[in-house]
Protein backbone atom coordinates (compact mmCIF):
# COMPACT_ATOMS: atom_id res chain seq x y z
CA MET A 1 6.27 11.95 -21.71
CA PHE A 2 9.96 12.82 -21.76
CA LEU A 3 10.22 15.17 -24.72
CA PRO A 4 11.76 15.53 -27.19
CA ASP A 5 13.26 12.00 -26.87
CA PRO A 6 10.94 9.50 -25.14
CA ASN A 7 13.86 7.07 -24.61
CA PRO A 8 16.86 9.16 -23.59
CA GLU A 9 20.12 7.50 -22.53
CA PHE A 10 19.86 9.30 -19.19
CA GLY A 11 17.43 11.60 -17.41
CA GLN A 12 14.63 9.15 -16.62
CA CYS A 13 12.85 9.67 -13.30
CA VAL A 14 13.27 6.34 -11.51
CA HIS A 15 11.03 6.07 -8.45
CA LYS A 16 11.93 2.59 -7.15
CA ILE A 17 13.60 -0.65 -8.29
CA ALA A 18 13.13 -4.12 -6.77
CA GLN A 19 15.12 -7.28 -7.57
CA ASP A 20 13.36 -10.60 -8.16
CA PRO A 21 14.45 -13.28 -5.63
CA GLY A 22 14.66 -16.08 -8.19
CA ASN A 23 16.57 -14.27 -10.92
CA THR A 24 19.02 -11.57 -9.90
CA ASP A 25 18.99 -10.19 -13.46
CA ARG A 26 15.23 -9.55 -13.23
CA LEU A 27 14.33 -6.09 -11.95
CA TYR A 28 10.99 -4.37 -11.45
CA LEU A 29 10.89 -0.60 -11.92
CA GLN A 30 8.32 2.03 -11.01
CA ASN A 31 9.27 4.94 -13.24
CA HIS A 32 7.71 8.38 -13.32
CA TRP A 33 5.63 7.30 -16.33
CA GLY A 34 5.42 3.54 -16.20
CA VAL A 35 5.97 0.14 -14.63
CA TYR A 36 8.72 -1.92 -16.24
CA ARG A 37 10.64 -5.18 -15.99
CA SER A 38 14.17 -5.94 -17.05
CA ASP A 39 15.43 -9.50 -17.50
CA ASP A 40 19.05 -8.49 -18.19
CA ALA A 41 20.00 -6.45 -15.11
CA GLY A 42 18.72 -3.18 -16.57
CA GLY A 43 20.05 -3.42 -20.12
CA ARG A 44 16.57 -3.40 -21.68
CA TRP A 45 13.16 -2.69 -20.17
CA THR A 46 9.69 -4.05 -20.98
CA ASP A 47 6.53 -2.13 -20.14
CA ILE A 48 4.42 -4.26 -17.77
CA GLY A 49 1.83 -1.62 -16.85
CA ALA A 50 -1.05 -3.16 -18.83
CA GLY A 51 -3.74 -4.32 -16.43
CA LEU A 52 -3.05 -1.62 -13.83
CA PRO A 53 -5.51 1.26 -13.36
CA SER A 54 -2.54 3.64 -13.73
CA ASP A 55 1.13 3.21 -14.50
CA PHE A 56 2.14 6.17 -12.30
CA GLY A 57 3.29 5.57 -8.76
CA PHE A 58 6.29 5.51 -6.50
CA ALA A 59 6.53 2.15 -4.73
CA VAL A 60 7.44 -1.32 -5.95
CA ALA A 61 8.47 -4.38 -3.91
CA ALA A 62 9.39 -7.92 -4.93
CA HIS A 63 8.20 -10.94 -2.96
CA PRO A 64 11.13 -12.19 -0.85
CA HIS A 65 10.80 -15.89 -1.87
CA ARG A 66 8.48 -16.24 -4.86
CA PRO A 67 10.02 -15.52 -8.25
CA ASP A 68 7.94 -13.44 -10.68
CA THR A 69 5.91 -11.88 -7.82
CA ALA A 70 5.93 -8.14 -7.20
CA TYR A 71 3.69 -5.44 -5.71
CA VAL A 72 2.87 -1.84 -6.70
CA PHE A 73 0.53 0.86 -5.39
CA PRO A 74 -0.75 2.84 -8.43
CA LEU A 75 -1.52 6.55 -8.15
CA ASN A 76 -3.72 8.55 -10.52
CA ALA A 77 -1.04 10.69 -12.16
CA ASP A 78 1.87 13.04 -11.68
CA SER A 79 -0.55 15.94 -11.29
CA ASP A 80 -3.02 13.94 -9.12
CA ARG A 81 -0.93 11.98 -6.61
CA VAL A 82 -3.67 10.02 -4.89
CA PRO A 83 -4.56 6.32 -5.23
CA ALA A 84 -5.72 5.35 -8.70
CA GLU A 85 -9.49 5.78 -8.96
CA HIS A 86 -9.39 6.94 -5.30
CA ARG A 87 -9.30 3.31 -4.15
CA CYS A 88 -6.86 1.87 -1.64
CA ARG A 89 -5.40 -1.14 -3.50
CA VAL A 90 -2.09 -2.90 -3.71
CA PHE A 91 -1.63 -4.73 -7.02
CA ARG A 92 0.26 -8.02 -7.26
CA THR A 93 1.71 -9.84 -10.24
CA ARG A 94 2.60 -13.52 -9.99
CA ASP A 95 3.78 -13.80 -13.58
CA ALA A 96 6.45 -11.08 -13.82
CA GLY A 97 4.00 -8.40 -14.92
CA ALA A 98 1.99 -10.26 -17.57
CA SER A 99 -1.09 -9.74 -15.37
CA TRP A 100 -2.01 -7.87 -12.18
CA GLU A 101 -4.59 -8.49 -9.46
CA PRO A 102 -5.93 -5.93 -6.98
CA LEU A 103 -5.51 -6.83 -3.31
CA THR A 104 -8.26 -5.16 -1.28
CA LYS A 105 -9.52 -7.48 1.49
CA GLY A 106 -9.37 -5.46 4.72
CA LEU A 107 -8.44 -2.16 3.03
CA PRO A 108 -10.82 0.85 3.00
CA ALA A 109 -13.60 0.36 0.45
CA GLY A 110 -14.65 4.01 -0.01
CA ASP A 111 -12.85 6.95 -1.55
CA HIS A 112 -9.26 7.02 -0.34
CA TYR A 113 -6.55 9.62 -0.72
CA GLY A 114 -3.51 8.09 1.03
CA THR A 115 -0.48 8.38 -1.22
CA VAL A 116 2.16 5.63 -0.84
CA LEU A 117 5.66 6.95 -1.49
CA ARG A 118 8.89 5.24 -2.68
CA ASP A 119 10.06 3.71 0.59
CA ALA A 120 6.66 3.14 2.18
CA LEU A 121 5.97 -0.33 0.72
CA CYS A 122 8.05 -3.33 1.82
CA THR A 123 8.05 -7.04 2.62
CA ASP A 124 9.54 -9.13 5.39
CA ASP A 125 11.27 -12.51 4.98
CA ALA A 126 8.53 -14.67 6.50
CA ASP A 127 6.75 -17.43 4.60
CA PRO A 128 4.07 -16.47 3.85
CA ALA A 129 5.54 -13.02 3.45
CA GLY A 130 4.37 -10.00 5.35
CA ILE A 131 3.62 -7.04 3.09
CA TYR A 132 3.43 -3.56 4.60
CA PHE A 133 2.66 -0.04 3.46
CA GLY A 134 2.17 3.36 4.99
CA ASN A 135 0.70 6.48 3.44
CA ARG A 136 0.63 10.23 3.70
CA ASN A 137 -2.68 9.98 5.59
CA GLY A 138 -0.67 8.58 8.51
CA GLU A 139 -1.99 5.03 8.15
CA LEU A 140 0.05 1.83 8.38
CA TYR A 141 -1.31 -1.42 6.89
CA ALA A 142 0.00 -4.99 7.06
CA SER A 143 -0.67 -8.33 5.44
CA ARG A 144 0.50 -11.62 6.96
CA ASP A 145 -0.46 -13.69 3.92
CA ASP A 146 1.41 -12.38 0.86
CA GLY A 147 -1.10 -9.54 0.43
CA ASP A 148 -4.28 -11.62 0.31
CA SER A 149 -5.76 -9.78 3.31
CA TRP A 150 -4.86 -6.59 5.19
CA GLN A 151 -5.30 -4.96 8.55
CA LEU A 152 -4.80 -1.43 9.78
CA LEU A 153 -1.91 -1.40 12.29
CA ALA A 154 -1.84 2.32 13.12
CA GLU A 155 -3.52 5.55 12.14
CA HIS A 156 -3.24 9.25 12.95
CA LEU A 157 0.52 9.11 12.45
CA PRO A 158 2.43 11.87 10.67
CA ASP A 159 3.05 11.24 6.96
CA VAL A 160 4.48 7.73 6.64
CA LEU A 161 7.44 8.16 4.31
CA CYS A 162 9.34 4.92 4.99
CA VAL A 163 8.35 1.44 6.21
CA ARG A 164 10.81 -1.32 7.10
CA ALA A 165 9.96 -4.77 8.44
CA ALA A 166 11.92 -7.75 9.73
CA VAL A 167 11.16 -11.15 11.18
CA LEU A 168 12.58 -11.37 14.68
CA ASN A 169 13.46 -14.75 16.15
CA GLY A 170 13.84 -14.72 19.83
């Protein structure tokens, strides 16, 4: 999509990068036109978007404890920035991008238009990990079980542009 050179030395539109917890040289990248993995700290990139309904999106997060596990929220396209197929789904890989599974339990089942931006998907450090995302519809969702199930935490907020989470011991 980047013409005339599809692989320029610079000028790529990086949306978000997440580092794998088990291998600091492994990075996950949500680019303007793809989802990629690097196993050499960004020297070379492998397309891992096969199995996703779209390779466009903004957010990517790595699981805080489980190597090879990452999360993305696919959007339709650059010109149609709504959830892929108008379905609210987080996708998880447990094998460094060789395959992806949709995580939908507890998320809206009907048509959905809440765009998740770069900094609006995150994890906490719990085990199992909490996974969180907010969207431009003003909704905030959370999972307490690595993304297996979700609940709506808040709605009717302004656009959620950034989500941060922490485990508090007290």
